[in-house]
Protein backbone atom coordinates (compact mmCIF):
# COMPACT_ATOMS: atom_id res chain seq x y z
CA MET A 1 28.86 5.33 -10.13
CA ASN A 2 26.32 4.26 -12.73
CA LEU A 3 22.86 5.47 -13.77
CA PRO A 4 21.18 2.75 -15.88
CA LEU A 5 18.25 3.60 -18.15
CA ASP A 6 16.43 1.55 -20.78
CA ARG A 7 18.24 2.80 -23.88
CA LYS A 8 21.55 3.90 -22.35
CA SER A 9 23.60 4.05 -19.15
CA PHE A 10 25.52 7.01 -17.76
CA THR A 11 28.62 6.73 -15.60
CA LEU A 12 30.99 9.11 -13.86
CA TYR A 13 34.36 8.98 -15.62
CA ASN A 14 37.39 11.21 -14.94
CA ASN A 15 35.24 13.72 -13.05
CA ASP A 16 32.81 13.96 -15.95
CA LEU A 17 30.10 11.95 -17.69
CA ALA A 18 30.29 9.01 -20.10
CA VAL A 19 27.47 7.17 -21.85
CA GLU A 20 26.96 3.64 -23.13
CA VAL A 21 24.14 3.41 -25.67
CA HIS A 22 22.30 0.08 -25.76
CA GLU A 23 21.38 0.19 -29.44
CA PRO A 24 23.09 1.03 -32.74
CA LEU A 25 23.74 4.68 -33.43
CA PRO A 26 21.88 5.93 -36.51
CA ASP A 27 23.95 6.66 -39.60
CA LYS A 28 21.88 9.77 -40.29
CA LEU A 29 20.35 12.36 -37.99
CA TYR A 30 18.04 15.24 -38.84
CA LYS A 31 17.36 18.76 -37.61
CA TYR A 32 14.30 20.81 -38.60
CA PHE A 33 14.42 24.61 -39.06
CA SER A 34 12.19 27.53 -39.87
CA ILE A 35 13.37 30.27 -42.21
CA ASN A 36 14.38 33.11 -39.89
CA LYS A 37 17.36 35.31 -39.02
CA ASN A 38 18.93 32.93 -36.51
CA SER A 39 18.50 29.71 -38.48
CA ILE A 40 19.79 31.18 -41.74
CA ASN A 41 22.75 32.96 -40.13
CA ASN A 42 23.76 29.65 -38.57
CA PHE A 43 23.15 27.76 -41.82
CA ILE A 44 25.44 30.01 -43.86
CA THR A 45 28.17 30.04 -41.18
CA SER A 46 28.03 26.25 -40.56
CA LYS A 47 26.89 26.50 -36.97
CA VAL A 48 24.21 24.81 -34.86
CA HIS A 49 22.67 26.14 -31.66
CA PHE A 50 23.17 24.09 -28.51
CA SER A 51 20.27 25.12 -26.29
CA ASN A 52 20.15 25.63 -22.59
CA PRO A 53 17.47 23.09 -21.54
CA PHE A 54 15.57 25.88 -19.78
CA LYS A 55 14.86 27.23 -23.28
CA LEU A 56 13.37 23.99 -24.64
CA ASN A 57 9.63 23.48 -25.09
CA ASP A 58 9.18 20.82 -22.38
CA ILE A 59 9.06 22.37 -18.88
CA MET A 60 10.42 19.12 -17.42
CA GLU A 61 13.78 19.58 -19.16
CA GLY A 62 16.37 20.03 -16.41
CA SER A 63 13.68 20.02 -13.73
CA SER A 64 14.54 19.11 -10.14
CA GLN A 65 11.07 17.58 -9.90
CA LEU A 66 12.72 14.51 -11.37
CA TRP A 67 14.75 14.11 -8.17
CA ASN A 68 13.56 12.93 -4.77
CA LEU A 69 15.30 15.57 -2.63
CA GLU A 70 13.57 15.20 0.73
CA SER A 71 15.81 12.64 2.44
CA PHE A 72 18.99 14.31 1.19
CA ILE A 73 17.96 17.78 2.39
CA ASP A 74 16.82 16.38 5.73
CA GLU A 75 20.25 14.84 6.27
CA TYR A 76 22.17 17.81 4.89
CA THR A 77 20.37 20.39 7.02
CA LEU A 78 20.89 18.21 10.09
CA GLU A 79 24.63 18.03 9.37
CA THR A 80 25.13 21.70 8.46
CA GLY A 81 22.35 23.57 10.21
CA ASN A 82 21.28 25.21 6.94
CA ASP A 83 17.66 26.18 6.38
CA TRP A 84 15.59 23.47 4.62
CA GLN A 85 13.92 25.85 2.15
CA TYR A 86 17.22 27.53 1.36
CA MET A 87 18.75 24.15 0.52
CA PHE A 88 15.77 23.18 -1.62
CA ASP A 89 15.99 26.42 -3.63
CA TYR A 90 19.75 26.06 -4.00
CA ILE A 91 19.58 22.50 -5.32
CA SER A 92 16.60 23.07 -7.59
CA LYS A 93 17.85 26.35 -9.11
CA ASN A 94 21.57 26.97 -8.54
CA ILE A 95 22.83 23.48 -9.36
CA PRO A 96 21.00 23.32 -12.75
CA GLU A 97 22.01 26.92 -13.58
CA ASP A 98 25.69 26.16 -12.93
CA PHE A 99 25.56 22.85 -14.82
CA PHE A 100 23.86 24.28 -17.91
CA ALA A 101 26.12 27.36 -18.03
CA HIS A 102 28.79 25.06 -19.47
CA ARG A 103 26.62 22.55 -21.29
CA GLY A 104 24.29 22.68 -24.25
CA VAL A 105 21.97 20.24 -25.97
CA LEU A 106 21.12 19.74 -29.63
CA CYS A 107 17.84 17.93 -30.28
CA LEU A 108 17.99 15.68 -33.34
CA THR A 109 15.76 12.98 -34.75
CA ASP A 110 16.22 9.88 -36.90
CA SER A 111 13.69 10.72 -39.65
CA PHE A 112 13.00 13.42 -42.25
CA ASP A 113 9.38 12.35 -42.81
CA ASN A 114 7.95 13.07 -39.37
CA ASN A 115 4.57 14.59 -40.24
CA LEU A 116 4.27 16.19 -36.80
CA PHE A 117 7.72 17.78 -36.88
CA TRP A 118 7.12 19.61 -40.14
CA PRO A 119 4.12 21.61 -38.85
CA HIS A 120 5.34 21.92 -35.24
CA TYR A 121 8.85 23.15 -36.00
CA THR A 122 8.63 24.68 -39.48
CA SER A 123 4.91 25.48 -40.00
CA GLU A 124 5.31 23.38 -43.18
CA LEU A 125 7.40 26.24 -44.63
CA GLY A 126 10.90 25.37 -43.43
CA PHE A 127 13.65 22.89 -44.13
CA CYS A 128 15.33 19.86 -42.65
CA VAL A 129 19.04 19.06 -42.67
CA GLU A 130 20.31 15.49 -42.94
CA PHE A 131 23.62 15.00 -41.15
CA LYS A 132 26.04 12.16 -41.60
CA GLN A 133 26.07 11.34 -37.92
CA GLU A 134 29.64 10.26 -37.36
CA MET A 135 31.20 13.09 -39.37
CA PHE A 136 28.94 15.66 -37.73
CA PHE A 137 29.67 14.34 -34.23
CA ASP A 138 33.42 14.29 -34.80
CA SER A 139 33.44 17.86 -36.12
CA ILE A 140 32.00 19.40 -32.92
CA VAL A 141 34.91 20.80 -30.89
CA CYS A 142 34.25 20.89 -27.15
CA ASP A 143 35.50 19.52 -23.81
CA ASN A 144 33.12 16.58 -23.71
CA LYS A 145 30.20 15.34 -25.83
CA LEU A 146 27.61 12.62 -25.45
CA LEU A 147 25.18 11.34 -28.08
CA TYR A 148 22.26 9.31 -26.76
CA PRO A 149 18.59 8.49 -27.41
CA ILE A 150 15.85 9.85 -25.19
CA ASP A 151 13.96 7.36 -23.00
CA TYR A 152 10.20 7.88 -23.26
CA LYS A 153 8.21 6.66 -20.28
CA PRO A 154 6.02 7.88 -17.42
CA LEU A 155 8.30 10.25 -15.55
CA GLU A 156 9.71 8.88 -12.32
CA ARG A 157 11.87 10.54 -9.69
CA ILE A 158 15.28 9.14 -8.84
CA GLU A 159 16.71 9.22 -5.33
CA PHE A 160 18.99 12.26 -5.45
CA LYS A 161 21.39 11.19 -2.71
CA LYS A 162 22.09 7.82 -4.43
CA PHE A 163 23.60 9.49 -7.49
CA ILE A 164 25.69 12.34 -6.06
CA VAL A 165 29.25 12.71 -4.87
CA ARG A 166 29.93 14.66 -1.69
CA ILE A 167 33.23 16.55 -1.69
CA LEU A 168 34.71 17.65 1.65
CA ASN A 169 37.04 20.64 1.74
CA GLY A 170 37.87 21.27 5.36
CA SER A 171 34.60 22.05 7.09
CA LYS A 172 32.84 22.85 3.81
CA MET A 173 30.97 20.22 1.83
CA THR A 174 29.97 20.55 -1.82
CA VAL A 175 27.77 18.25 -3.88
CA GLU A 176 28.57 16.96 -7.37
CA ALA A 177 25.27 16.12 -9.06
CA LEU A 178 26.30 15.19 -12.61
CA LEU A 179 24.18 12.04 -12.77
CA PRO A 180 20.95 13.65 -11.51
CA MET A 181 21.53 16.49 -13.97
CA ILE A 182 22.03 14.20 -16.98
CA TYR A 183 18.97 12.21 -15.94
CA SER A 184 16.89 15.40 -16.07
CA ILE A 185 17.74 15.87 -19.77
CA SER A 186 17.62 12.21 -20.82
CA VAL A 187 14.05 11.11 -20.08
CA LYS A 188 10.78 12.51 -21.39
CA ASP A 189 7.14 11.70 -20.90
CA VAL A 190 5.62 9.22 -23.37
CA ILE A 191 3.60 12.01 -25.01
CA TRP A 192 6.85 13.13 -26.67
CA ASN A 193 7.77 9.77 -28.18
CA TYR A 194 6.72 10.86 -31.68
CA GLU A 195 9.93 12.93 -31.75
CA ARG A 196 12.20 9.84 -31.78
CA GLU A 197 14.88 12.10 -30.42
CA TRP A 198 18.61 11.63 -30.28
CA ARG A 199 20.31 14.23 -28.14
CA LEU A 200 23.83 15.57 -28.43
CA MET A 201 25.05 17.18 -25.20
CA ILE A 202 28.29 19.11 -25.16
CA LYS A 203 30.43 20.56 -22.39
CA LYS A 204 32.19 23.81 -23.23
CA ASN A 205 33.27 26.75 -21.11
CA ASP A 206 31.47 30.07 -21.32
CA LEU A 207 28.34 28.99 -23.13
CA GLY A 208 26.54 31.50 -20.94
CA LYS A 209 24.33 31.26 -17.91
CA VAL A 210 20.56 31.19 -18.26
CA SER A 211 18.52 31.76 -15.14
CA HIS A 212 16.04 29.19 -13.89
CA PRO A 213 12.59 30.05 -15.29
CA LEU A 214 11.24 30.69 -11.78
CA ARG A 215 14.10 32.99 -10.81
CA ILE A 216 12.90 36.56 -11.37
CA ILE A 217 15.62 38.71 -12.95
CA ASP A 218 15.80 42.37 -13.99
CA GLU A 219 15.85 43.61 -17.58
CA LYS A 220 19.62 44.19 -17.61
CA GLN A 221 20.40 40.60 -16.62
CA ASN A 222 17.76 39.31 -19.03
CA THR A 223 19.33 41.27 -21.89
CA THR A 224 22.80 39.96 -20.99
CA GLU A 225 21.55 36.38 -20.97
CA ILE A 226 19.88 36.81 -24.36
CA ASP A 227 23.03 38.35 -25.84
CA ASN A 228 25.13 35.48 -24.49
CA LEU A 229 23.01 32.89 -26.31
CA GLN A 230 25.16 33.49 -29.40
CA ASN A 231 27.97 31.68 -27.56
CA ARG A 232 25.92 28.52 -28.00
CA ASN A 233 26.23 28.60 -31.80
CA ILE A 234 28.91 25.98 -32.45
CA PHE A 235 30.79 25.24 -35.69
CA PHE A 236 30.39 21.95 -37.53
CA ASP A 237 31.83 20.53 -40.74
CA LYS A 238 29.53 21.54 -43.60
CA ASP A 239 30.53 18.37 -45.45
CA SER A 240 28.58 16.41 -42.84
CA ILE A 241 25.36 17.73 -44.44
CA GLN A 242 24.16 15.09 -46.91
CA LYS A 243 20.78 16.57 -47.80
CA VAL A 244 18.86 19.80 -47.36
CA ILE A 245 15.16 18.97 -47.55
CA VAL A 246 12.55 21.68 -47.99
CA SER A 247 8.96 21.29 -46.87
CA THR A 248 5.90 20.46 -48.93
CA LEU A 249 4.61 24.07 -48.84
CA PHE A 250 8.02 25.69 -49.22
CA PHE A 251 7.17 27.25 -52.58
CA SER A 252 3.96 28.91 -51.44
CA ASN A 253 2.30 32.28 -51.99
CA SER A 254 3.33 33.31 -48.47
CA ARG A 255 6.86 34.01 -49.71
CA PHE A 256 6.76 34.15 -53.52
CA SER A 257 4.87 36.71 -55.57
CA LYS A 258 5.05 35.04 -58.99
CA ILE A 259 6.23 31.85 -60.69
CA GLU A 260 7.45 31.90 -64.26
CA VAL A 261 7.67 28.58 -66.11
CA ILE A 262 10.88 28.44 -68.18
CA ASN A 263 10.46 24.90 -69.55
CA ASN A 264 9.34 21.47 -68.40
CA PHE A 265 12.13 21.32 -65.84
CA SER A 266 12.83 24.91 -64.78
CA LYS A 267 10.85 27.62 -63.02
CA LYS A 268 11.68 31.13 -61.88
CA TYR A 269 10.35 32.03 -58.40
CA TYR A 270 10.06 35.73 -57.59
CA PHE A 271 10.67 36.64 -53.96
CA LYS A 272 8.31 38.86 -52.03
CA SER A 273 9.83 42.08 -50.73
CA ASP A 274 10.54 40.80 -47.21
CA SER A 275 12.42 37.66 -48.29
CA LEU A 276 16.02 38.49 -47.36
CA TYR A 277 16.64 35.30 -45.41
CA LEU A 278 14.98 33.18 -48.08
CA PHE A 279 17.35 34.73 -50.64
CA LEU A 280 20.33 34.03 -48.35
CA PHE A 281 19.16 30.44 -47.94
CA PHE A 282 19.15 29.83 -51.70
CA LEU A 283 22.43 31.68 -52.11
CA GLU A 284 24.04 29.29 -49.61
CA ILE A 285 22.46 26.33 -51.39
CA ALA A 286 23.94 27.52 -54.71
CA LYS A 287 27.39 27.93 -53.15
CA ASN A 288 27.69 24.75 -51.11
CA TYR A 289 24.74 22.35 -51.41
CA ASN A 290 23.46 22.58 -54.97
CA ASP A 291 23.67 18.82 -55.46
CA ARG A 292 21.89 18.14 -52.17
CA LEU A 293 18.61 20.05 -52.31
CA PHE A 294 15.46 17.91 -52.08
CA GLN A 295 11.78 18.43 -51.37
CA ILE A 296 9.41 16.25 -49.39
CA ASP A 297 5.83 15.80 -50.55
CA ARG A 298 2.83 13.55 -50.06
CA ASP A 299 2.49 10.64 -52.44
CA VAL A 300 0.31 7.55 -52.86
CA LYS A 301 1.63 4.05 -52.28
CA ASN A 302 -0.77 1.09 -52.41
CA ASN A 303 -3.62 3.60 -52.11
CA ILE A 304 -2.12 4.99 -48.88
CA ILE A 305 -0.91 8.56 -48.50
CA VAL A 306 2.80 8.60 -47.57
CA SER A 307 5.53 11.23 -47.24
CA LYS A 308 8.65 10.83 -49.35
CA LEU A 309 11.34 12.74 -51.17
CA ASN A 310 9.63 13.52 -54.45
CA TYR A 311 11.84 16.19 -56.01
CA LYS A 312 15.44 17.18 -56.38
CA HIS A 313 16.17 20.85 -57.11
CA GLU A 314 19.18 22.72 -58.44
CA VAL A 315 19.71 26.49 -58.35
CA ILE A 316 20.64 27.60 -61.86
CA ASP A 317 20.23 31.37 -61.36
CA ILE A 318 19.69 33.63 -58.38
CA THR A 319 19.37 37.36 -57.75
CA GLU A 320 17.87 39.35 -54.90
CA LYS A 321 14.62 39.35 -56.88
CA TYR A 322 14.24 35.70 -57.89
CA VAL A 323 15.67 32.22 -57.86
CA THR A 324 15.51 29.86 -60.84
CA LEU A 325 15.39 26.15 -60.10
CA LYS A 326 15.84 23.11 -62.27
CA SER A 327 13.79 20.25 -60.81
CA HIS A 328 13.10 16.61 -61.47
CA LEU A 329 11.36 13.72 -59.76
CA VAL A 330 13.50 11.56 -57.52
């Protein structure tokens, strides 16, 4: 069974999903981060977080609104005698919950100079990691993984019953809805096309269940689900990182209390008192990425303002109080 889209096609293969991408895969992919506890802990342990789509910022991610369910439920309730509303709630909530309990998505993009990403995802104070796509992809250990581009278009529903497999076990019938599920995390409205997203979806046991946003749960279950999110932090090969790019306003007065000029190339930046994770970030840079630290900035080209990599930095000294950088123009 096949689900064709503009930029890729999904098929059922060996009881799971396969994808054929209709365009070249990018050599490099990028992920934007803020400086915070979660991002820095993952950075220094060579992990990335594969989200449950219910936790993403587009409410249509994983939404059953992308499926035309009416004709299927009409037929199913006629065959089984089940209540129509019960079946609707089961398909729209239980099926996505079960699917996403063992699957996670990583949202990547093909550019480091996206001037909407920097403010939206880092408040112009964060960093961006450049991955060598093939090495990064190969290093993720899981049961199944698919890398594909998002299709941006006016959102349309697909006919649910055309893309499911019914499994009979005696008098009981179950529904396998892998293709409708992958459709729900593969298309986005055109308003999101500035993201130029490539999505890596993995299948791995025990990533942890997250309840549908409209399923009301108690505090105990909510706490358990939050705690289980750490299972979604997955190891990758740190050698797949080619560049670590800091934002234009990275060295701002919001996080540094003083700058001391050492010479034409070197400056000492004094951390503010609440800068633990900033210190850990630079410590990791010094240990593993000291030849790969860059900074993006605005520049002028043919009288037009553009964004480009303007500086390369190197950590030459670091303590809990300050970091000293040697810098030069790229």
